[in-house]
Amino acid sequence: MVVSLALLRGLKMTTVLAIEKEISSFQVLHERLSLTRAEDESFFQEWQHLSRSPESEDRAFLDRLQARYRYYYEAGILTEGTVLLSIVAPLMEYLGFHEPPFFVRSEVGLELKVQERDEVYRGRMDVLVVRERFWVLVVEAKRAKFAADVALPQCLAYMAGSGQPVTFGLVTNGSDFVFCKLEGSVYDFSEPFSLLVRQNRLVEVAEVLGRLKALSL
């Protein structure tokens, strides 16, 4: 096939980029997707003012998950698959995210178009739940020894492409859990809930998840 140079010059080529490779920092997130972090501390109230007092049967379950985490962590085999199957999936199931009206979908493809830059960002989310208003991103196994917040820009990029006015996300590497909220072009995120400390912070993680679930009913 022969295509004239004149025709080629008239075409506007769209650049296709991988989200997990291109959106690797908050600076890139701000510049390419025009997102900004909230300045008002009350913007993300859903994770604040936690009671930390679950029912006894809930506490027993969360303590078992913490013990499981420590077992895999101390053995040095806390990989992406281990985190997803042994910690995240049981927690989501226990809290009712696998039941109607919610869905759990894995390996969800997403395409985000930025008209001003003539760019398309593509990627795949590990887990998507709650009518596409709640996203769960498990940090890749090769990053399992890094803080979960390294994946926050990527998670926010996925959330920006959902088309929903308000979305929530959770990023975890198994050791740390960080929640994030995106409303329009403004975002914020919670403090990291670390399972490395003696206190079982899965109690707080479960409470925040319960609040986000209630918002989506």
N, C-alpha and C. Protein backbone atom coordinates (compact mmCIF):
# COMPACT_ATOMS: atom_id res chain seq x y z
N MET A 1 0.85 -1.19 0.00
CA MET A 1 0.00 0.00 0.00
C MET A 1 0.88 1.24 0.00
N VAL A 2 0.55 2.21 -0.85
CA VAL A 2 1.28 3.45 -0.94
C VAL A 2 0.41 4.58 -0.39
N VAL A 3 0.92 5.31 0.59
CA VAL A 3 0.21 6.44 1.17
C VAL A 3 1.04 7.68 0.95
N SER A 4 0.43 8.72 0.39
CA SER A 4 1.19 9.92 0.08
C SER A 4 1.59 10.65 1.34
N LEU A 5 2.72 11.34 1.28
CA LEU A 5 3.19 12.12 2.42
C LEU A 5 2.22 13.24 2.73
N ALA A 6 1.58 13.80 1.73
CA ALA A 6 0.62 14.88 1.96
C ALA A 6 -0.54 14.39 2.82
N LEU A 7 -1.01 13.15 2.53
CA LEU A 7 -2.10 12.58 3.30
C LEU A 7 -1.66 12.34 4.74
N LEU A 8 -0.44 11.81 4.90
CA LEU A 8 0.07 11.53 6.23
C LEU A 8 0.19 12.80 7.06
N ARG A 9 0.61 13.89 6.44
CA ARG A 9 0.77 15.14 7.17
C ARG A 9 -0.58 15.67 7.64
N GLY A 10 -1.65 15.31 6.93
CA GLY A 10 -2.96 15.79 7.30
C GLY A 10 -3.60 15.00 8.42
N LEU A 11 -3.02 13.84 8.75
CA LEU A 11 -3.57 13.01 9.80
C LEU A 11 -3.08 13.46 11.17
N LYS A 12 -3.97 13.42 12.15
CA LYS A 12 -3.59 13.73 13.51
C LYS A 12 -3.50 12.43 14.27
N MET A 13 -2.30 12.00 14.59
CA MET A 13 -2.09 10.71 15.21
C MET A 13 -2.32 10.80 16.71
N THR A 14 -3.05 9.82 17.25
CA THR A 14 -3.30 9.74 18.68
C THR A 14 -2.25 8.87 19.33
N THR A 15 -1.64 9.37 20.41
CA THR A 15 -0.63 8.61 21.13
C THR A 15 -1.31 7.70 22.15
N VAL A 16 -1.01 6.40 22.09
CA VAL A 16 -1.57 5.43 23.03
C VAL A 16 -0.49 5.07 24.04
N LEU A 17 -0.82 5.24 25.33
CA LEU A 17 0.15 5.03 26.40
C LEU A 17 -0.39 4.08 27.45
N ALA A 18 0.50 3.38 28.12
CA ALA A 18 0.11 2.44 29.19
C ALA A 18 0.05 3.18 30.52
N ILE A 19 -1.08 3.08 31.21
CA ILE A 19 -1.26 3.79 32.47
C ILE A 19 -0.19 3.40 33.49
N GLU A 20 0.05 2.10 33.65
CA GLU A 20 0.97 1.65 34.69
C GLU A 20 2.40 2.10 34.45
N LYS A 21 2.73 2.44 33.20
CA LYS A 21 4.09 2.90 32.89
C LYS A 21 4.19 4.42 32.88
N GLU A 22 3.16 5.08 32.38
CA GLU A 22 3.23 6.53 32.18
C GLU A 22 2.81 7.32 33.41
N ILE A 23 1.79 6.85 34.13
CA ILE A 23 1.30 7.59 35.30
C ILE A 23 2.00 7.03 36.54
N SER A 24 3.22 7.46 36.75
CA SER A 24 4.04 6.88 37.82
C SER A 24 4.32 7.84 38.96
N SER A 25 3.81 9.08 38.88
CA SER A 25 4.03 10.05 39.95
C SER A 25 2.86 11.03 39.99
N PHE A 26 2.74 11.73 41.11
CA PHE A 26 1.67 12.72 41.22
C PHE A 26 1.90 13.90 40.29
N GLN A 27 3.15 14.23 40.02
CA GLN A 27 3.45 15.33 39.10
C GLN A 27 2.92 15.01 37.71
N VAL A 28 3.13 13.78 37.26
CA VAL A 28 2.62 13.36 35.95
C VAL A 28 1.10 13.34 35.97
N LEU A 29 0.52 12.87 37.08
CA LEU A 29 -0.93 12.83 37.22
C LEU A 29 -1.52 14.23 37.08
N HIS A 30 -0.87 15.21 37.71
CA HIS A 30 -1.35 16.59 37.65
C HIS A 30 -1.20 17.18 36.25
N GLU A 31 -0.05 16.95 35.65
CA GLU A 31 0.24 17.57 34.36
C GLU A 31 -0.59 16.97 33.22
N ARG A 32 -0.72 15.66 33.20
CA ARG A 32 -1.36 15.01 32.06
C ARG A 32 -2.87 14.86 32.21
N LEU A 33 -3.35 14.68 33.44
CA LEU A 33 -4.78 14.48 33.64
C LEU A 33 -5.46 15.65 34.32
N SER A 34 -4.69 16.69 34.65
CA SER A 34 -5.21 17.92 35.26
C SER A 34 -5.93 17.67 36.58
N LEU A 35 -5.44 16.70 37.36
CA LEU A 35 -6.00 16.44 38.68
C LEU A 35 -5.23 17.22 39.73
N THR A 36 -5.91 17.61 40.81
CA THR A 36 -5.27 18.34 41.89
C THR A 36 -5.70 17.75 43.22
N ARG A 37 -4.81 17.85 44.20
CA ARG A 37 -5.14 17.33 45.53
C ARG A 37 -5.95 18.37 46.31
N ALA A 38 -6.95 17.90 47.05
CA ALA A 38 -7.81 18.79 47.84
C ALA A 38 -7.00 19.48 48.93
N GLU A 39 -7.34 20.73 49.19
CA GLU A 39 -6.71 21.48 50.28
C GLU A 39 -7.56 21.46 51.54
N ASP A 40 -8.85 21.19 51.39
CA ASP A 40 -9.77 21.12 52.51
C ASP A 40 -9.68 19.74 53.16
N GLU A 41 -9.34 19.69 54.44
CA GLU A 41 -9.20 18.41 55.13
C GLU A 41 -10.51 17.65 55.24
N SER A 42 -11.63 18.33 55.10
CA SER A 42 -12.93 17.67 55.19
C SER A 42 -13.38 17.05 53.86
N PHE A 43 -12.58 17.21 52.81
CA PHE A 43 -12.95 16.69 51.50
C PHE A 43 -13.18 15.19 51.54
N PHE A 44 -12.33 14.47 52.25
CA PHE A 44 -12.42 13.01 52.30
C PHE A 44 -12.75 12.60 53.74
N GLN A 45 -13.97 12.84 54.14
CA GLN A 45 -14.40 12.55 55.50
C GLN A 45 -14.72 11.07 55.71
N GLU A 46 -14.91 10.35 54.61
CA GLU A 46 -15.39 8.96 54.72
C GLU A 46 -14.43 8.04 55.47
N TRP A 47 -13.16 8.41 55.56
CA TRP A 47 -12.22 7.54 56.26
C TRP A 47 -11.87 8.08 57.66
N GLN A 48 -12.42 9.21 58.02
CA GLN A 48 -12.07 9.86 59.28
C GLN A 48 -13.08 9.53 60.39
N HIS A 49 -12.68 9.80 61.65
CA HIS A 49 -13.54 9.64 62.81
C HIS A 49 -14.07 8.20 62.93
N LEU A 50 -13.15 7.26 62.98
CA LEU A 50 -13.50 5.85 63.04
C LEU A 50 -13.75 5.41 64.48
N SER A 51 -14.68 4.48 64.66
CA SER A 51 -15.02 4.03 66.02
C SER A 51 -14.06 2.97 66.54
N ARG A 52 -13.53 2.13 65.63
CA ARG A 52 -12.57 1.08 65.99
C ARG A 52 -13.14 0.08 67.01
N SER A 53 -14.44 -0.16 66.94
CA SER A 53 -15.06 -1.08 67.89
C SER A 53 -16.01 -2.03 67.18
N PRO A 54 -15.49 -3.04 66.48
CA PRO A 54 -16.34 -3.98 65.75
C PRO A 54 -17.02 -4.97 66.70
N GLU A 55 -18.01 -5.68 66.16
CA GLU A 55 -18.64 -6.76 66.91
C GLU A 55 -17.62 -7.86 67.16
N SER A 56 -17.87 -8.68 68.16
CA SER A 56 -16.89 -9.70 68.56
C SER A 56 -16.58 -10.67 67.44
N GLU A 57 -17.63 -11.10 66.67
CA GLU A 57 -17.37 -12.04 65.58
C GLU A 57 -16.59 -11.38 64.45
N ASP A 58 -16.83 -10.09 64.22
CA ASP A 58 -16.07 -9.37 63.21
C ASP A 58 -14.61 -9.25 63.64
N ARG A 59 -14.40 -8.94 64.91
CA ARG A 59 -13.04 -8.81 65.42
C ARG A 59 -12.29 -10.12 65.31
N ALA A 60 -12.97 -11.23 65.59
CA ALA A 60 -12.33 -12.55 65.50
C ALA A 60 -11.88 -12.83 64.07
N PHE A 61 -12.73 -12.49 63.09
CA PHE A 61 -12.38 -12.70 61.69
C PHE A 61 -11.19 -11.84 61.29
N LEU A 62 -11.21 -10.57 61.66
CA LEU A 62 -10.14 -9.65 61.29
C LEU A 62 -8.82 -10.04 61.96
N ASP A 63 -8.89 -10.57 63.15
CA ASP A 63 -7.68 -11.05 63.83
C ASP A 63 -7.10 -12.26 63.11
N ARG A 64 -7.97 -13.11 62.58
CA ARG A 64 -7.48 -14.27 61.81
C ARG A 64 -6.78 -13.80 60.54
N LEU A 65 -7.33 -12.78 59.88
CA LEU A 65 -6.68 -12.25 58.68
C LEU A 65 -5.33 -11.64 59.01
N GLN A 66 -5.25 -10.93 60.13
CA GLN A 66 -3.97 -10.35 60.53
C GLN A 66 -2.95 -11.44 60.81
N ALA A 67 -3.37 -12.51 61.48
CA ALA A 67 -2.47 -13.62 61.77
C ALA A 67 -2.00 -14.28 60.46
N ARG A 68 -2.90 -14.38 59.48
CA ARG A 68 -2.55 -14.94 58.18
C ARG A 68 -1.52 -14.06 57.48
N TYR A 69 -1.76 -12.74 57.54
CA TYR A 69 -0.81 -11.80 56.95
C TYR A 69 0.58 -11.99 57.55
N ARG A 70 0.66 -12.05 58.87
CA ARG A 70 1.96 -12.19 59.53
C ARG A 70 2.64 -13.49 59.14
N TYR A 71 1.86 -14.55 58.98
CA TYR A 71 2.40 -15.86 58.59
C TYR A 71 3.11 -15.77 57.24
N TYR A 72 2.44 -15.17 56.25
CA TYR A 72 3.03 -15.04 54.92
C TYR A 72 4.15 -14.01 54.89
N TYR A 73 3.97 -12.93 55.64
CA TYR A 73 4.99 -11.88 55.66
C TYR A 73 6.30 -12.40 56.25
N GLU A 74 6.20 -13.09 57.37
CA GLU A 74 7.40 -13.60 58.03
C GLU A 74 8.09 -14.69 57.22
N ALA A 75 7.30 -15.38 56.39
CA ALA A 75 7.89 -16.41 55.52
C ALA A 75 8.50 -15.81 54.26
N GLY A 76 8.28 -14.50 54.04
CA GLY A 76 8.84 -13.82 52.88
C GLY A 76 8.17 -14.16 51.57
N ILE A 77 6.90 -14.56 51.61
CA ILE A 77 6.19 -14.96 50.38
C ILE A 77 4.92 -14.14 50.19
N LEU A 78 4.97 -12.88 50.60
CA LEU A 78 3.81 -12.00 50.45
C LEU A 78 3.83 -11.40 49.05
N THR A 79 3.28 -12.14 48.07
CA THR A 79 3.26 -11.69 46.69
C THR A 79 1.89 -11.11 46.34
N GLU A 80 1.78 -10.61 45.11
CA GLU A 80 0.51 -10.04 44.65
C GLU A 80 -0.61 -11.06 44.76
N GLY A 81 -0.35 -12.28 44.30
CA GLY A 81 -1.37 -13.32 44.35
C GLY A 81 -1.75 -13.68 45.77
N THR A 82 -0.76 -13.75 46.65
CA THR A 82 -1.03 -14.06 48.06
C THR A 82 -1.89 -12.99 48.70
N VAL A 83 -1.55 -11.73 48.45
CA VAL A 83 -2.32 -10.61 49.00
C VAL A 83 -3.76 -10.67 48.53
N LEU A 84 -3.95 -10.90 47.23
CA LEU A 84 -5.29 -10.89 46.66
C LEU A 84 -6.13 -12.05 47.17
N LEU A 85 -5.56 -13.26 47.16
CA LEU A 85 -6.33 -14.45 47.51
C LEU A 85 -6.50 -14.64 49.01
N SER A 86 -5.49 -14.29 49.79
CA SER A 86 -5.50 -14.61 51.21
C SER A 86 -5.98 -13.49 52.11
N ILE A 87 -5.93 -12.24 51.63
CA ILE A 87 -6.30 -11.11 52.48
C ILE A 87 -7.42 -10.28 51.87
N VAL A 88 -7.20 -9.75 50.66
CA VAL A 88 -8.17 -8.83 50.06
C VAL A 88 -9.48 -9.54 49.72
N ALA A 89 -9.41 -10.67 49.00
CA ALA A 89 -10.64 -11.36 48.59
C ALA A 89 -11.48 -11.82 49.78
N PRO A 90 -10.90 -12.45 50.81
CA PRO A 90 -11.72 -12.83 51.97
C PRO A 90 -12.35 -11.64 52.68
N LEU A 91 -11.61 -10.53 52.76
CA LEU A 91 -12.15 -9.34 53.41
C LEU A 91 -13.32 -8.78 52.64
N MET A 92 -13.20 -8.69 51.31
CA MET A 92 -14.28 -8.15 50.49
C MET A 92 -15.51 -9.07 50.54
N GLU A 93 -15.27 -10.37 50.56
CA GLU A 93 -16.39 -11.31 50.64
C GLU A 93 -17.09 -11.20 52.00
N TYR A 94 -16.33 -11.12 53.06
CA TYR A 94 -16.91 -11.03 54.40
C TYR A 94 -17.77 -9.79 54.56
N LEU A 95 -17.37 -8.71 53.89
CA LEU A 95 -18.11 -7.45 54.00
C LEU A 95 -19.27 -7.35 53.01
N GLY A 96 -19.46 -8.38 52.19
CA GLY A 96 -20.63 -8.43 51.31
C GLY A 96 -20.46 -7.82 49.94
N PHE A 97 -19.22 -7.59 49.50
CA PHE A 97 -19.02 -6.98 48.19
C PHE A 97 -19.20 -7.98 47.04
N HIS A 98 -19.33 -9.26 47.36
CA HIS A 98 -19.56 -10.26 46.32
C HIS A 98 -21.05 -10.54 46.09
N GLU A 99 -21.91 -9.90 46.87
CA GLU A 99 -23.34 -10.16 46.81
C GLU A 99 -24.07 -9.01 46.10
N PRO A 100 -25.31 -9.29 45.56
CA PRO A 100 -26.10 -8.23 44.94
C PRO A 100 -26.35 -7.10 45.93
N PRO A 101 -26.35 -5.85 45.45
CA PRO A 101 -26.29 -5.41 44.05
C PRO A 101 -24.87 -5.16 43.54
N PHE A 102 -23.86 -5.67 44.24
CA PHE A 102 -22.48 -5.41 43.85
C PHE A 102 -21.93 -6.53 42.96
N PHE A 103 -20.86 -6.20 42.26
CA PHE A 103 -20.15 -7.17 41.44
C PHE A 103 -18.66 -7.04 41.72
N VAL A 104 -17.96 -8.15 41.61
CA VAL A 104 -16.50 -8.14 41.65
C VAL A 104 -16.00 -8.62 40.31
N ARG A 105 -15.19 -7.79 39.67
CA ARG A 105 -14.62 -8.15 38.36
C ARG A 105 -13.11 -8.03 38.44
N SER A 106 -12.43 -8.95 37.81
CA SER A 106 -10.97 -8.91 37.82
C SER A 106 -10.44 -8.62 36.42
N GLU A 107 -9.21 -8.09 36.38
CA GLU A 107 -8.55 -7.79 35.10
C GLU A 107 -9.46 -6.97 34.19
N VAL A 108 -9.89 -5.81 34.69
CA VAL A 108 -10.82 -4.96 33.94
C VAL A 108 -10.04 -3.97 33.08
N GLY A 109 -10.27 -3.99 31.78
CA GLY A 109 -9.61 -3.06 30.88
C GLY A 109 -10.23 -1.67 30.96
N LEU A 110 -9.39 -0.65 30.79
CA LEU A 110 -9.87 0.72 30.87
C LEU A 110 -9.13 1.58 29.86
N GLU A 111 -9.85 2.54 29.26
CA GLU A 111 -9.25 3.48 28.31
C GLU A 111 -9.63 4.90 28.72
N LEU A 112 -8.63 5.74 28.86
CA LEU A 112 -8.83 7.12 29.29
C LEU A 112 -8.31 8.05 28.21
N LYS A 113 -9.19 8.90 27.65
CA LYS A 113 -8.82 9.80 26.57
C LYS A 113 -8.61 11.21 27.11
N VAL A 114 -7.51 11.82 26.73
CA VAL A 114 -7.21 13.20 27.10
C VAL A 114 -7.19 14.00 25.80
N GLN A 115 -8.33 14.66 25.52
CA GLN A 115 -8.50 15.33 24.24
C GLN A 115 -7.47 16.43 24.01
N GLU A 116 -7.17 17.20 25.06
CA GLU A 116 -6.27 18.34 24.91
C GLU A 116 -4.86 17.90 24.48
N ARG A 117 -4.46 16.72 24.90
CA ARG A 117 -3.11 16.24 24.59
C ARG A 117 -3.12 15.22 23.45
N ASP A 118 -4.33 14.87 22.98
CA ASP A 118 -4.47 13.86 21.94
C ASP A 118 -3.77 12.57 22.35
N GLU A 119 -4.07 12.14 23.58
CA GLU A 119 -3.47 10.93 24.13
C GLU A 119 -4.55 10.00 24.66
N VAL A 120 -4.27 8.72 24.58
CA VAL A 120 -5.15 7.69 25.13
C VAL A 120 -4.32 6.83 26.07
N TYR A 121 -4.79 6.69 27.30
CA TYR A 121 -4.11 5.86 28.29
C TYR A 121 -4.91 4.58 28.48
N ARG A 122 -4.23 3.45 28.42
CA ARG A 122 -4.88 2.16 28.57
C ARG A 122 -4.22 1.36 29.69
N GLY A 123 -5.04 0.57 30.37
CA GLY A 123 -4.50 -0.26 31.44
C GLY A 123 -5.53 -1.27 31.88
N ARG A 124 -5.16 -2.07 32.90
CA ARG A 124 -6.06 -3.08 33.42
C ARG A 124 -6.03 -3.03 34.95
N MET A 125 -7.22 -2.92 35.55
CA MET A 125 -7.33 -2.93 36.99
C MET A 125 -7.38 -4.37 37.48
N ASP A 126 -6.76 -4.62 38.64
CA ASP A 126 -6.77 -5.97 39.21
C ASP A 126 -8.16 -6.37 39.67
N VAL A 127 -8.83 -5.47 40.40
CA VAL A 127 -10.16 -5.76 40.93
C VAL A 127 -11.03 -4.52 40.82
N LEU A 128 -12.28 -4.71 40.39
CA LEU A 128 -13.23 -3.60 40.31
C LEU A 128 -14.53 -4.05 40.96
N VAL A 129 -15.04 -3.25 41.90
CA VAL A 129 -16.28 -3.62 42.59
C VAL A 129 -17.19 -2.40 42.73
N VAL A 130 -18.37 -2.64 43.24
CA VAL A 130 -19.34 -1.61 43.60
C VAL A 130 -19.78 -0.75 42.42
N ARG A 131 -20.35 -1.39 41.43
CA ARG A 131 -20.96 -0.66 40.32
C ARG A 131 -20.00 0.36 39.70
N GLU A 132 -18.74 0.01 39.63
CA GLU A 132 -17.70 0.84 39.03
C GLU A 132 -17.51 2.17 39.76
N ARG A 133 -17.89 2.21 41.02
CA ARG A 133 -17.62 3.41 41.83
C ARG A 133 -16.53 3.15 42.86
N PHE A 134 -16.08 1.91 42.94
CA PHE A 134 -15.05 1.59 43.91
C PHE A 134 -14.01 0.70 43.25
N TRP A 135 -12.75 1.07 43.39
CA TRP A 135 -11.67 0.37 42.72
C TRP A 135 -10.68 -0.18 43.76
N VAL A 136 -10.20 -1.37 43.53
CA VAL A 136 -9.19 -1.96 44.40
C VAL A 136 -7.98 -2.33 43.55
N LEU A 137 -6.84 -1.78 43.90
CA LEU A 137 -5.61 -2.05 43.16
C LEU A 137 -4.61 -2.73 44.08
N VAL A 138 -4.25 -3.95 43.76
CA VAL A 138 -3.22 -4.66 44.51
C VAL A 138 -1.89 -4.41 43.83
N VAL A 139 -0.92 -3.89 44.58
CA VAL A 139 0.38 -3.56 44.03
C VAL A 139 1.03 -4.83 43.48
N GLU A 140 1.66 -4.71 42.33
CA GLU A 140 2.27 -5.86 41.69
C GLU A 140 3.27 -6.54 42.60
N ALA A 141 3.44 -7.84 42.40
CA ALA A 141 4.31 -8.63 43.26
C ALA A 141 5.72 -8.07 43.34
N LYS A 142 6.24 -7.55 42.24
CA LYS A 142 7.60 -7.02 42.24
C LYS A 142 7.73 -5.77 43.10
N ARG A 143 6.57 -5.16 43.45
CA ARG A 143 6.60 -3.98 44.30
C ARG A 143 6.14 -4.29 45.73
N ALA A 144 5.94 -5.55 46.05
CA ALA A 144 5.31 -5.90 47.31
C ALA A 144 6.06 -5.41 48.53
N LYS A 145 7.35 -5.13 48.39
CA LYS A 145 8.13 -4.66 49.53
C LYS A 145 8.20 -3.13 49.58
N PHE A 146 7.46 -2.46 48.70
CA PHE A 146 7.41 -1.00 48.69
C PHE A 146 6.08 -0.53 49.28
N ALA A 147 6.05 0.72 49.69
CA ALA A 147 4.83 1.28 50.26
C ALA A 147 3.72 1.28 49.21
N ALA A 148 2.50 1.09 49.69
CA ALA A 148 1.36 1.01 48.78
C ALA A 148 1.14 2.30 48.01
N ASP A 149 1.57 3.44 48.58
CA ASP A 149 1.26 4.71 47.94
C ASP A 149 1.98 4.91 46.60
N VAL A 150 2.94 4.03 46.26
CA VAL A 150 3.58 4.17 44.95
C VAL A 150 2.58 3.92 43.83
N ALA A 151 1.49 3.23 44.14
CA ALA A 151 0.49 2.92 43.11
C ALA A 151 -0.69 3.88 43.14
N LEU A 152 -0.69 4.87 44.03
CA LEU A 152 -1.82 5.80 44.11
C LEU A 152 -2.04 6.58 42.81
N PRO A 153 -0.99 7.14 42.18
CA PRO A 153 -1.23 7.86 40.92
C PRO A 153 -1.89 6.97 39.87
N GLN A 154 -1.46 5.72 39.79
CA GLN A 154 -2.04 4.80 38.82
C GLN A 154 -3.51 4.53 39.14
N CYS A 155 -3.82 4.30 40.41
CA CYS A 155 -5.21 4.03 40.80
C CYS A 155 -6.09 5.23 40.50
N LEU A 156 -5.61 6.44 40.80
CA LEU A 156 -6.39 7.65 40.52
C LEU A 156 -6.61 7.84 39.03
N ALA A 157 -5.64 7.45 38.22
CA ALA A 157 -5.80 7.54 36.77
C ALA A 157 -6.92 6.62 36.31
N TYR A 158 -6.96 5.39 36.85
CA TYR A 158 -8.04 4.48 36.52
C TYR A 158 -9.39 5.06 36.94
N MET A 159 -9.44 5.62 38.14
CA MET A 159 -10.68 6.20 38.66
C MET A 159 -11.16 7.35 37.78
N ALA A 160 -10.21 8.15 37.28
CA ALA A 160 -10.56 9.29 36.43
C ALA A 160 -11.22 8.84 35.14
N GLY A 161 -10.92 7.64 34.70
CA GLY A 161 -11.50 7.14 33.46
C GLY A 161 -12.82 6.41 33.63
N SER A 162 -13.35 6.37 34.87
CA SER A 162 -14.57 5.61 35.12
C SER A 162 -15.83 6.32 34.65
N GLY A 163 -15.75 7.65 34.50
CA GLY A 163 -16.92 8.40 34.08
C GLY A 163 -17.90 8.69 35.20
N GLN A 164 -17.58 8.32 36.43
CA GLN A 164 -18.45 8.57 37.57
C GLN A 164 -18.10 9.90 38.23
N PRO A 165 -19.08 10.65 38.74
CA PRO A 165 -18.79 11.95 39.37
C PRO A 165 -17.96 11.83 40.65
N VAL A 166 -18.19 10.76 41.42
CA VAL A 166 -17.41 10.51 42.63
C VAL A 166 -17.01 9.05 42.67
N THR A 167 -15.73 8.79 42.87
CA THR A 167 -15.25 7.42 42.95
C THR A 167 -14.31 7.27 44.15
N PHE A 168 -14.23 6.04 44.65
CA PHE A 168 -13.34 5.72 45.76
C PHE A 168 -12.41 4.59 45.35
N GLY A 169 -11.24 4.55 45.96
CA GLY A 169 -10.29 3.52 45.63
C GLY A 169 -9.57 3.01 46.86
N LEU A 170 -8.98 1.84 46.72
CA LEU A 170 -8.15 1.25 47.77
C LEU A 170 -6.92 0.67 47.12
N VAL A 171 -5.76 1.06 47.61
CA VAL A 171 -4.49 0.53 47.13
C VAL A 171 -3.84 -0.23 48.27
N THR A 172 -3.37 -1.42 48.00
CA THR A 172 -2.71 -2.20 49.04
C THR A 172 -1.58 -3.04 48.48
N ASN A 173 -0.56 -3.22 49.28
CA ASN A 173 0.51 -4.17 48.95
C ASN A 173 0.50 -5.33 49.94
N GLY A 174 -0.58 -5.42 50.71
CA GLY A 174 -0.70 -6.46 51.71
C GLY A 174 -0.30 -5.98 53.08
N SER A 175 0.72 -5.13 53.15
CA SER A 175 1.17 -4.58 54.43
C SER A 175 0.50 -3.26 54.75
N ASP A 176 0.25 -2.44 53.73
CA ASP A 176 -0.37 -1.13 53.91
C ASP A 176 -1.63 -1.02 53.07
N PHE A 177 -2.62 -0.33 53.61
CA PHE A 177 -3.87 -0.06 52.90
C PHE A 177 -4.09 1.45 52.88
N VAL A 178 -4.30 2.01 51.67
CA VAL A 178 -4.51 3.45 51.52
C VAL A 178 -5.77 3.66 50.69
N PHE A 179 -6.72 4.44 51.22
CA PHE A 179 -7.94 4.77 50.51
C PHE A 179 -7.78 6.09 49.77
N CYS A 180 -8.50 6.25 48.66
CA CYS A 180 -8.46 7.52 47.94
C CYS A 180 -9.86 7.86 47.42
N LYS A 181 -10.08 9.13 47.21
CA LYS A 181 -11.37 9.64 46.72
C LYS A 181 -11.11 10.62 45.60
N LEU A 182 -11.92 10.53 44.56
CA LEU A 182 -11.83 11.45 43.43
C LEU A 182 -13.21 12.00 43.14
N GLU A 183 -13.33 13.32 43.18
CA GLU A 183 -14.59 14.00 42.86
C GLU A 183 -14.29 15.07 41.82
N GLY A 184 -14.78 14.84 40.61
CA GLY A 184 -14.41 15.74 39.51
C GLY A 184 -12.93 15.60 39.22
N SER A 185 -12.19 16.69 39.36
CA SER A 185 -10.75 16.66 39.13
C SER A 185 -9.96 16.81 40.43
N VAL A 186 -10.65 16.68 41.57
CA VAL A 186 -10.01 16.86 42.88
C VAL A 186 -9.95 15.52 43.60
N TYR A 187 -8.81 15.23 44.22
CA TYR A 187 -8.63 13.96 44.91
C TYR A 187 -7.97 14.18 46.27
N ASP A 188 -8.06 13.17 47.09
CA ASP A 188 -7.31 13.12 48.34
C ASP A 188 -7.20 11.66 48.75
N PHE A 189 -6.34 11.38 49.69
CA PHE A 189 -6.19 10.00 50.15
C PHE A 189 -5.97 9.96 51.66
N SER A 190 -6.18 8.78 52.21
CA SER A 190 -6.12 8.60 53.65
C SER A 190 -4.68 8.36 54.11
N GLU A 191 -4.52 8.29 55.41
CA GLU A 191 -3.25 7.83 55.95
C GLU A 191 -3.12 6.34 55.63
N PRO A 192 -1.91 5.79 55.60
CA PRO A 192 -1.77 4.35 55.38
C PRO A 192 -2.13 3.57 56.63
N PHE A 193 -2.93 2.54 56.47
CA PHE A 193 -3.25 1.64 57.57
C PHE A 193 -2.29 0.45 57.46
N SER A 194 -1.31 0.40 58.33
CA SER A 194 -0.24 -0.59 58.23
C SER A 194 -0.51 -1.80 59.12
N LEU A 195 -0.34 -2.99 58.54
CA LEU A 195 -0.48 -4.23 59.31
C LEU A 195 0.84 -4.62 59.98
N LEU A 196 1.87 -3.80 59.78
CA LEU A 196 3.15 -4.09 60.42
C LEU A 196 3.15 -3.73 61.90
N VAL A 197 2.22 -2.87 62.31
CA VAL A 197 2.16 -2.47 63.72
C VAL A 197 1.43 -3.54 64.52
N ARG A 198 1.57 -3.47 65.84
CA ARG A 198 0.96 -4.49 66.68
C ARG A 198 -0.57 -4.43 66.65
N GLN A 199 -1.11 -3.21 66.63
CA GLN A 199 -2.56 -3.02 66.57
C GLN A 199 -3.10 -3.54 65.24
N ASN A 200 -4.24 -4.22 65.27
CA ASN A 200 -4.83 -4.75 64.05
C ASN A 200 -5.59 -3.64 63.33
N ARG A 201 -4.96 -3.02 62.34
CA ARG A 201 -5.58 -1.91 61.63
C ARG A 201 -6.54 -2.36 60.54
N LEU A 202 -6.68 -3.68 60.38
CA LEU A 202 -7.74 -4.17 59.50
C LEU A 202 -9.11 -3.81 60.06
N VAL A 203 -9.18 -3.55 61.36
CA VAL A 203 -10.42 -3.10 61.98
C VAL A 203 -10.87 -1.78 61.34
N GLU A 204 -9.92 -0.86 61.18
CA GLU A 204 -10.23 0.43 60.57
C GLU A 204 -10.49 0.29 59.08
N VAL A 205 -9.71 -0.56 58.42
CA VAL A 205 -9.91 -0.80 56.99
C VAL A 205 -11.32 -1.32 56.74
N ALA A 206 -11.76 -2.28 57.55
CA ALA A 206 -13.09 -2.85 57.39
C ALA A 206 -14.18 -1.80 57.64
N GLU A 207 -13.95 -0.90 58.59
CA GLU A 207 -14.94 0.13 58.88
C GLU A 207 -15.07 1.11 57.72
N VAL A 208 -13.95 1.50 57.14
CA VAL A 208 -14.01 2.41 55.98
C VAL A 208 -14.70 1.72 54.80
N LEU A 209 -14.36 0.45 54.56
CA LEU A 209 -15.00 -0.29 53.48
C LEU A 209 -16.51 -0.37 53.69
N GLY A 210 -16.92 -0.56 54.95
CA GLY A 210 -18.35 -0.60 55.25
C GLY A 210 -19.03 0.72 54.94
N ARG A 211 -18.36 1.82 55.23
CA ARG A 211 -18.93 3.14 54.93
C ARG A 211 -19.07 3.35 53.43
N LEU A 212 -18.04 2.98 52.68
CA LEU A 212 -18.09 3.16 51.22
C LEU A 212 -19.15 2.27 50.60
N LYS A 213 -19.33 1.09 51.16
CA LYS A 213 -20.39 0.19 50.68
C LYS A 213 -21.75 0.83 50.90
N ALA A 214 -21.97 1.40 52.08
CA ALA A 214 -23.26 2.04 52.38
C ALA A 214 -23.54 3.20 51.44
N LEU A 215 -22.50 3.95 51.04
CA LEU A 215 -22.68 5.08 50.13
C LEU A 215 -23.11 4.62 48.74
N SER A 216 -22.82 3.37 48.41
CA SER A 216 -23.09 2.88 47.07
C SER A 216 -24.41 2.13 46.96
N LEU A 217 -25.10 1.97 48.08
CA LEU A 217 -26.39 1.24 48.03
C LEU A 217 -27.49 2.13 47.45
